[in-house]
N, C-alpha and C. Protein backbone atom coordinates (compact mmCIF):
# COMPACT_ATOMS: atom_id res chain seq x y z
N UNK A 1 137.72 -32.22 150.07
CA UNK A 1 136.43 -32.51 149.48
C UNK A 1 136.58 -32.60 147.97
N UNK A 2 136.05 -33.65 147.39
CA UNK A 2 136.13 -33.85 145.94
C UNK A 2 135.18 -32.91 145.23
N UNK A 3 135.59 -32.45 144.06
CA UNK A 3 134.79 -31.52 143.29
C UNK A 3 134.57 -32.06 141.90
N UNK A 4 133.43 -31.71 141.32
CA UNK A 4 133.13 -32.05 139.95
C UNK A 4 133.73 -30.98 139.06
N UNK A 5 134.62 -31.36 138.14
CA UNK A 5 135.31 -30.40 137.29
C UNK A 5 135.34 -30.89 135.86
N UNK A 6 135.70 -29.97 134.97
CA UNK A 6 135.93 -30.32 133.58
C UNK A 6 137.42 -30.63 133.41
N UNK A 7 137.70 -31.68 132.66
CA UNK A 7 139.08 -32.07 132.40
C UNK A 7 139.73 -31.01 131.51
N UNK A 8 140.91 -30.52 131.87
CA UNK A 8 141.58 -29.52 131.05
C UNK A 8 142.07 -30.07 129.71
N UNK A 9 142.18 -31.38 129.58
CA UNK A 9 142.66 -31.99 128.34
C UNK A 9 141.53 -32.29 127.36
N UNK A 10 140.48 -32.95 127.82
CA UNK A 10 139.42 -33.37 126.91
C UNK A 10 138.09 -32.66 127.13
N UNK A 11 137.93 -32.00 128.27
CA UNK A 11 136.71 -31.25 128.54
C UNK A 11 135.59 -32.05 129.21
N UNK A 12 135.79 -33.34 129.42
CA UNK A 12 134.76 -34.16 130.06
C UNK A 12 134.66 -33.83 131.54
N UNK A 13 133.47 -34.05 132.12
CA UNK A 13 133.29 -33.88 133.55
C UNK A 13 133.91 -35.07 134.28
N UNK A 14 134.52 -34.79 135.41
CA UNK A 14 135.10 -35.85 136.22
C UNK A 14 135.10 -35.41 137.67
N UNK A 15 135.23 -36.36 138.56
CA UNK A 15 135.32 -36.09 139.98
C UNK A 15 136.79 -36.00 140.35
N UNK A 16 137.24 -34.81 140.75
CA UNK A 16 138.67 -34.60 141.03
C UNK A 16 139.05 -35.27 142.34
N UNK A 17 140.09 -36.11 142.23
CA UNK A 17 140.62 -36.78 143.42
C UNK A 17 142.11 -36.53 143.58
N UNK A 18 142.62 -35.50 142.91
CA UNK A 18 144.01 -35.14 143.07
C UNK A 18 144.85 -35.19 141.82
N UNK A 19 144.32 -35.73 140.72
CA UNK A 19 145.13 -35.87 139.51
C UNK A 19 144.98 -34.68 138.56
N UNK A 20 144.02 -33.82 138.78
CA UNK A 20 143.77 -32.61 138.00
C UNK A 20 143.42 -32.88 136.56
N UNK A 21 142.97 -34.11 136.25
CA UNK A 21 142.45 -34.47 134.94
C UNK A 21 141.64 -35.75 135.09
N UNK A 22 140.83 -36.04 134.08
CA UNK A 22 139.97 -37.23 134.16
C UNK A 22 140.83 -38.50 134.14
N UNK A 23 140.29 -39.62 134.63
CA UNK A 23 141.08 -40.86 134.68
C UNK A 23 141.60 -41.32 133.32
N UNK A 24 140.82 -41.13 132.25
CA UNK A 24 141.26 -41.56 130.91
C UNK A 24 142.48 -40.75 130.46
N UNK A 25 142.42 -39.43 130.65
CA UNK A 25 143.56 -38.57 130.27
C UNK A 25 144.76 -38.83 131.17
N UNK A 26 144.53 -39.13 132.43
CA UNK A 26 145.63 -39.43 133.34
C UNK A 26 146.35 -40.70 132.92
N UNK A 27 145.57 -41.74 132.54
CA UNK A 27 146.18 -42.99 132.07
C UNK A 27 146.97 -42.75 130.79
N UNK A 28 146.43 -41.93 129.88
CA UNK A 28 147.13 -41.61 128.65
C UNK A 28 148.43 -40.86 128.93
N UNK A 29 148.39 -39.96 129.90
CA UNK A 29 149.60 -39.22 130.26
C UNK A 29 150.64 -40.14 130.88
N UNK A 30 150.23 -41.09 131.66
CA UNK A 30 151.18 -42.06 132.22
C UNK A 30 151.87 -42.86 131.12
N UNK A 31 151.11 -43.25 130.09
CA UNK A 31 151.69 -43.97 128.95
C UNK A 31 152.69 -43.07 128.22
N UNK A 32 152.32 -41.80 128.04
CA UNK A 32 153.22 -40.87 127.36
C UNK A 32 154.49 -40.64 128.18
N UNK A 33 154.35 -40.58 129.48
CA UNK A 33 155.52 -40.42 130.34
C UNK A 33 156.47 -41.61 130.20
N UNK A 34 155.91 -42.79 130.04
CA UNK A 34 156.74 -43.99 129.86
C UNK A 34 157.51 -43.90 128.54
N UNK A 35 156.85 -43.40 127.48
CA UNK A 35 157.50 -43.23 126.18
C UNK A 35 158.65 -42.23 126.30
N UNK A 36 158.38 -41.10 126.98
CA UNK A 36 159.40 -40.07 127.15
C UNK A 36 160.56 -40.60 127.99
N UNK A 37 160.24 -41.32 129.04
CA UNK A 37 161.29 -41.86 129.91
C UNK A 37 162.20 -42.80 129.12
N UNK A 38 161.63 -43.64 128.27
CA UNK A 38 162.42 -44.56 127.45
C UNK A 38 163.31 -43.78 126.48
N UNK A 39 162.75 -42.73 125.86
CA UNK A 39 163.53 -41.92 124.93
C UNK A 39 164.70 -41.24 125.64
N UNK A 40 164.44 -40.68 126.81
CA UNK A 40 165.48 -39.97 127.56
C UNK A 40 166.56 -40.95 128.02
N UNK A 41 166.17 -42.15 128.38
CA UNK A 41 167.14 -43.15 128.80
C UNK A 41 168.09 -43.49 127.65
N UNK A 42 167.55 -43.55 126.42
CA UNK A 42 168.36 -43.90 125.26
C UNK A 42 169.15 -42.72 124.70
N UNK A 43 168.66 -41.50 124.91
CA UNK A 43 169.30 -40.27 124.41
C UNK A 43 169.57 -39.37 125.61
N UNK A 44 170.75 -39.54 126.22
CA UNK A 44 171.00 -38.87 127.50
C UNK A 44 171.18 -37.36 127.39
N UNK A 45 171.52 -36.82 126.23
CA UNK A 45 171.63 -35.37 126.07
C UNK A 45 170.66 -34.93 125.00
N UNK A 46 169.57 -34.34 125.42
CA UNK A 46 168.54 -33.92 124.48
C UNK A 46 167.81 -32.69 125.03
N UNK A 47 167.07 -32.04 124.16
CA UNK A 47 166.28 -30.89 124.57
C UNK A 47 164.81 -31.28 124.54
N UNK A 48 164.00 -30.42 125.11
CA UNK A 48 162.56 -30.69 125.12
C UNK A 48 162.02 -30.74 123.70
N UNK A 49 162.51 -29.86 122.83
CA UNK A 49 162.03 -29.86 121.44
C UNK A 49 162.37 -31.18 120.75
N UNK A 50 163.55 -31.74 121.02
CA UNK A 50 163.90 -33.03 120.45
C UNK A 50 162.98 -34.13 120.98
N UNK A 51 162.69 -34.09 122.26
CA UNK A 51 161.81 -35.10 122.86
C UNK A 51 160.44 -35.02 122.23
N UNK A 52 159.90 -33.81 122.09
CA UNK A 52 158.57 -33.63 121.52
C UNK A 52 158.53 -34.10 120.07
N UNK A 53 159.55 -33.74 119.27
CA UNK A 53 159.59 -34.13 117.87
C UNK A 53 159.72 -35.64 117.69
N UNK A 54 160.55 -36.27 118.50
CA UNK A 54 160.83 -37.69 118.33
C UNK A 54 159.73 -38.60 118.91
N UNK A 55 159.11 -38.17 120.01
CA UNK A 55 158.13 -39.04 120.66
C UNK A 55 156.68 -38.71 120.29
N UNK A 56 156.43 -37.46 119.90
CA UNK A 56 155.06 -37.04 119.60
C UNK A 56 154.26 -36.67 120.84
N UNK A 57 154.92 -36.64 121.99
CA UNK A 57 154.26 -36.27 123.25
C UNK A 57 154.20 -34.75 123.33
N UNK A 58 153.10 -34.22 123.85
CA UNK A 58 152.94 -32.78 123.96
C UNK A 58 154.01 -32.18 124.87
N UNK A 59 154.41 -30.94 124.54
CA UNK A 59 155.45 -30.26 125.30
C UNK A 59 155.04 -30.03 126.74
N UNK A 60 153.77 -29.72 126.97
CA UNK A 60 153.36 -29.46 128.35
C UNK A 60 153.44 -30.72 129.22
N UNK A 61 153.30 -31.89 128.62
CA UNK A 61 153.46 -33.14 129.38
C UNK A 61 154.92 -33.31 129.79
N UNK A 62 155.84 -33.03 128.86
CA UNK A 62 157.26 -33.15 129.17
C UNK A 62 157.67 -32.13 130.22
N UNK A 63 157.17 -30.90 130.09
CA UNK A 63 157.48 -29.87 131.09
C UNK A 63 156.93 -30.25 132.46
N UNK A 64 155.75 -30.81 132.49
CA UNK A 64 155.16 -31.26 133.75
C UNK A 64 156.02 -32.36 134.38
N UNK A 65 156.56 -33.23 133.55
CA UNK A 65 157.44 -34.28 134.05
C UNK A 65 158.71 -33.67 134.65
N UNK A 66 159.27 -32.66 133.98
CA UNK A 66 160.45 -31.99 134.51
C UNK A 66 160.16 -31.33 135.84
N UNK A 67 159.05 -30.61 135.92
CA UNK A 67 158.70 -29.90 137.15
C UNK A 67 158.42 -30.87 138.29
N UNK A 68 157.93 -32.06 137.97
CA UNK A 68 157.65 -33.05 139.00
C UNK A 68 158.88 -33.89 139.35
N UNK A 69 160.02 -33.63 138.69
CA UNK A 69 161.26 -34.34 139.01
C UNK A 69 161.33 -35.75 138.49
N UNK A 70 160.68 -36.05 137.40
CA UNK A 70 160.66 -37.41 136.87
C UNK A 70 161.96 -37.83 136.20
N UNK A 71 162.84 -36.88 135.86
CA UNK A 71 164.07 -37.21 135.17
C UNK A 71 165.28 -37.23 136.08
N UNK A 72 165.10 -37.05 137.36
CA UNK A 72 166.23 -36.98 138.29
C UNK A 72 167.02 -38.28 138.31
N UNK A 73 166.36 -39.41 138.28
CA UNK A 73 167.04 -40.70 138.34
C UNK A 73 167.06 -41.40 136.98
N UNK A 74 167.29 -40.64 135.91
CA UNK A 74 167.27 -41.21 134.56
C UNK A 74 168.67 -41.56 134.07
N UNK A 75 169.53 -41.95 134.94
CA UNK A 75 170.87 -42.38 134.54
C UNK A 75 171.74 -41.26 134.03
N UNK A 76 171.66 -40.10 134.63
CA UNK A 76 172.52 -38.99 134.23
C UNK A 76 172.05 -38.24 133.01
N UNK A 77 170.80 -38.32 132.67
CA UNK A 77 170.27 -37.61 131.50
C UNK A 77 170.37 -36.11 131.69
N UNK A 78 170.74 -35.41 130.62
CA UNK A 78 170.84 -33.96 130.65
C UNK A 78 169.81 -33.43 129.67
N UNK A 79 168.78 -32.81 130.19
CA UNK A 79 167.69 -32.30 129.36
C UNK A 79 167.69 -30.78 129.46
N UNK A 80 167.66 -30.13 128.31
CA UNK A 80 167.61 -28.67 128.30
C UNK A 80 166.20 -28.23 127.97
N UNK A 81 165.85 -27.08 128.53
CA UNK A 81 164.54 -26.48 128.27
C UNK A 81 164.69 -24.97 128.39
N UNK A 82 163.74 -24.21 127.85
CA UNK A 82 163.91 -22.75 127.82
C UNK A 82 163.63 -22.09 129.16
N UNK A 83 164.41 -21.03 129.42
CA UNK A 83 164.18 -20.16 130.59
C UNK A 83 162.80 -19.52 130.43
N UNK A 84 162.06 -19.42 131.51
CA UNK A 84 160.71 -18.87 131.45
C UNK A 84 160.69 -17.38 131.14
N UNK A 85 161.82 -16.70 131.33
CA UNK A 85 161.84 -15.25 131.10
C UNK A 85 162.43 -14.89 129.73
N UNK A 86 163.61 -15.44 129.40
CA UNK A 86 164.28 -15.02 128.16
C UNK A 86 164.33 -16.10 127.09
N UNK A 87 164.10 -17.36 127.44
CA UNK A 87 164.10 -18.44 126.45
C UNK A 87 165.44 -19.14 126.26
N UNK A 88 166.48 -18.74 126.98
CA UNK A 88 167.78 -19.40 126.88
C UNK A 88 167.66 -20.83 127.39
N UNK A 89 168.39 -21.76 126.76
CA UNK A 89 168.35 -23.16 127.17
C UNK A 89 169.02 -23.33 128.53
N UNK A 90 168.33 -24.01 129.47
CA UNK A 90 168.85 -24.24 130.81
C UNK A 90 168.69 -25.71 131.18
N UNK A 91 169.35 -26.12 132.26
CA UNK A 91 169.31 -27.51 132.72
C UNK A 91 168.48 -27.69 133.98
N UNK A 92 168.45 -26.68 134.84
CA UNK A 92 167.73 -26.79 136.09
C UNK A 92 167.00 -25.50 136.39
N UNK A 93 166.00 -25.59 137.25
CA UNK A 93 165.27 -24.41 137.69
C UNK A 93 164.31 -23.87 136.65
N UNK A 94 163.82 -22.66 136.91
CA UNK A 94 162.87 -22.03 136.00
C UNK A 94 163.50 -20.92 135.18
N UNK A 95 164.61 -20.36 135.69
CA UNK A 95 165.24 -19.22 135.04
C UNK A 95 166.74 -19.49 134.85
N UNK A 96 167.31 -18.83 133.82
CA UNK A 96 168.75 -18.92 133.60
C UNK A 96 169.45 -18.09 134.68
N UNK A 97 170.77 -18.19 134.70
CA UNK A 97 171.55 -17.49 135.72
C UNK A 97 171.36 -15.98 135.64
N UNK A 98 171.37 -15.44 134.43
CA UNK A 98 171.22 -14.00 134.23
C UNK A 98 169.85 -13.51 134.72
N UNK A 99 168.79 -14.21 134.35
CA UNK A 99 167.44 -13.81 134.76
C UNK A 99 167.25 -13.99 136.26
N UNK A 100 167.85 -15.03 136.83
CA UNK A 100 167.77 -15.23 138.28
C UNK A 100 168.42 -14.07 139.02
N UNK A 101 169.60 -13.66 138.54
CA UNK A 101 170.28 -12.54 139.16
C UNK A 101 169.48 -11.26 139.00
N UNK A 102 168.86 -11.07 137.84
CA UNK A 102 168.02 -9.90 137.60
C UNK A 102 166.84 -9.87 138.57
N UNK A 103 166.22 -11.01 138.79
CA UNK A 103 165.10 -11.08 139.74
C UNK A 103 165.56 -10.80 141.17
N UNK A 104 166.73 -11.31 141.54
CA UNK A 104 167.27 -11.03 142.87
C UNK A 104 167.57 -9.55 143.04
N UNK A 105 168.12 -8.92 141.99
CA UNK A 105 168.40 -7.49 142.06
C UNK A 105 167.12 -6.68 142.21
N UNK A 106 166.09 -7.07 141.47
CA UNK A 106 164.80 -6.38 141.58
C UNK A 106 164.22 -6.52 142.98
N UNK A 107 164.34 -7.71 143.56
CA UNK A 107 163.83 -7.94 144.91
C UNK A 107 164.61 -7.10 145.93
N UNK A 108 165.92 -6.99 145.74
CA UNK A 108 166.74 -6.19 146.65
C UNK A 108 166.36 -4.71 146.55
N UNK A 109 166.12 -4.23 145.34
CA UNK A 109 165.70 -2.83 145.16
C UNK A 109 164.36 -2.59 145.85
N UNK A 110 163.45 -3.52 145.71
CA UNK A 110 162.13 -3.38 146.35
C UNK A 110 162.27 -3.34 147.86
N UNK A 111 163.12 -4.21 148.42
CA UNK A 111 163.33 -4.23 149.86
C UNK A 111 163.95 -2.92 150.34
N UNK A 112 164.90 -2.38 149.57
CA UNK A 112 165.52 -1.11 149.98
C UNK A 112 164.51 0.03 149.91
N UNK A 113 163.62 0.00 148.92
CA UNK A 113 162.57 1.02 148.84
C UNK A 113 161.63 0.92 150.05
N UNK A 114 161.29 -0.31 150.44
CA UNK A 114 160.42 -0.50 151.60
C UNK A 114 161.10 0.00 152.86
N UNK A 115 162.39 -0.29 153.00
CA UNK A 115 163.14 0.16 154.18
C UNK A 115 163.24 1.67 154.21
N UNK A 116 163.46 2.30 153.05
CA UNK A 116 163.54 3.76 152.98
C UNK A 116 162.19 4.39 153.31
N UNK A 117 161.12 3.78 152.86
CA UNK A 117 159.78 4.30 153.15
C UNK A 117 159.47 4.17 154.64
N UNK A 118 159.90 3.09 155.26
CA UNK A 118 159.68 2.90 156.69
C UNK A 118 160.50 3.89 157.50
N UNK A 119 161.72 4.16 157.04
CA UNK A 119 162.57 5.12 157.76
C UNK A 119 162.06 6.55 157.61
N UNK A 120 161.45 6.84 156.48
CA UNK A 120 160.95 8.19 156.22
C UNK A 120 159.56 8.42 156.81
N UNK A 121 158.99 7.41 157.40
CA UNK A 121 157.66 7.53 157.97
C UNK A 121 157.68 8.54 159.12
N UNK A 122 156.72 9.44 159.12
CA UNK A 122 156.67 10.51 160.11
C UNK A 122 156.19 9.96 161.44
N UNK A 123 156.89 10.34 162.51
CA UNK A 123 156.50 9.95 163.85
C UNK A 123 155.34 10.84 164.30
N UNK A 124 154.18 10.27 164.40
CA UNK A 124 152.98 11.05 164.72
C UNK A 124 152.59 10.94 166.20
N UNK A 125 153.48 10.41 167.02
CA UNK A 125 153.16 10.26 168.43
C UNK A 125 153.19 11.60 169.18
N UNK A 126 153.84 12.61 168.61
CA UNK A 126 153.93 13.91 169.29
C UNK A 126 153.16 14.98 168.50
N UNK A 127 152.08 14.61 167.86
CA UNK A 127 151.29 15.59 167.12
C UNK A 127 150.47 16.43 168.08
N UNK A 128 149.75 17.38 167.53
CA UNK A 128 148.97 18.32 168.31
C UNK A 128 147.97 17.60 169.23
N UNK A 129 147.36 16.56 168.74
CA UNK A 129 146.33 15.88 169.52
C UNK A 129 146.90 14.93 170.57
N UNK A 130 148.15 14.55 170.42
CA UNK A 130 148.78 13.63 171.35
C UNK A 130 149.77 14.32 172.28
N UNK A 131 150.01 15.61 172.09
CA UNK A 131 151.07 16.31 172.81
C UNK A 131 150.84 16.33 174.32
N UNK A 132 149.64 16.53 174.78
CA UNK A 132 149.39 16.62 176.21
C UNK A 132 149.04 15.30 176.85
N UNK A 133 149.12 14.23 176.15
CA UNK A 133 148.73 12.93 176.67
C UNK A 133 149.57 12.55 177.89
N UNK A 134 150.86 12.79 177.86
CA UNK A 134 151.73 12.46 178.99
C UNK A 134 151.35 13.27 180.21
N UNK A 135 150.96 14.50 180.00
CA UNK A 135 150.59 15.40 181.10
C UNK A 135 149.32 14.97 181.80
N UNK A 136 148.32 14.51 181.04
CA UNK A 136 147.02 14.13 181.59
C UNK A 136 147.08 12.83 182.37
N UNK A 137 148.00 12.00 182.12
CA UNK A 137 147.99 10.69 182.76
C UNK A 137 148.61 10.68 184.08
């Protein structure tokens, strides 16, 4: 179902049909994506900051293009961008190798804590109120 929303870019009301912004801003973003794509094609090794400085396109537009996979078939372009956790320059994913490993370690610790809590759970099937249940049946 379509909803009436405010455009996150310009603030105008629009009927959302899947683009998450008004048609005017969406068309402008498509033009900006074309500019970025041309720049990346000509400069195969660049960072997001270089793209933003040279093209004048907002950083969030370039990041959105990366997340949507728009640079995958750009003739071998290598684009670096900051890790979401520590800021180190990376080529793929959301996190650098160190932060990814840190997140995996944290997840493993959480799982082991859950397993320990489940193992330490008291068996209440033989409590005072349940003790004679087998006898009565």
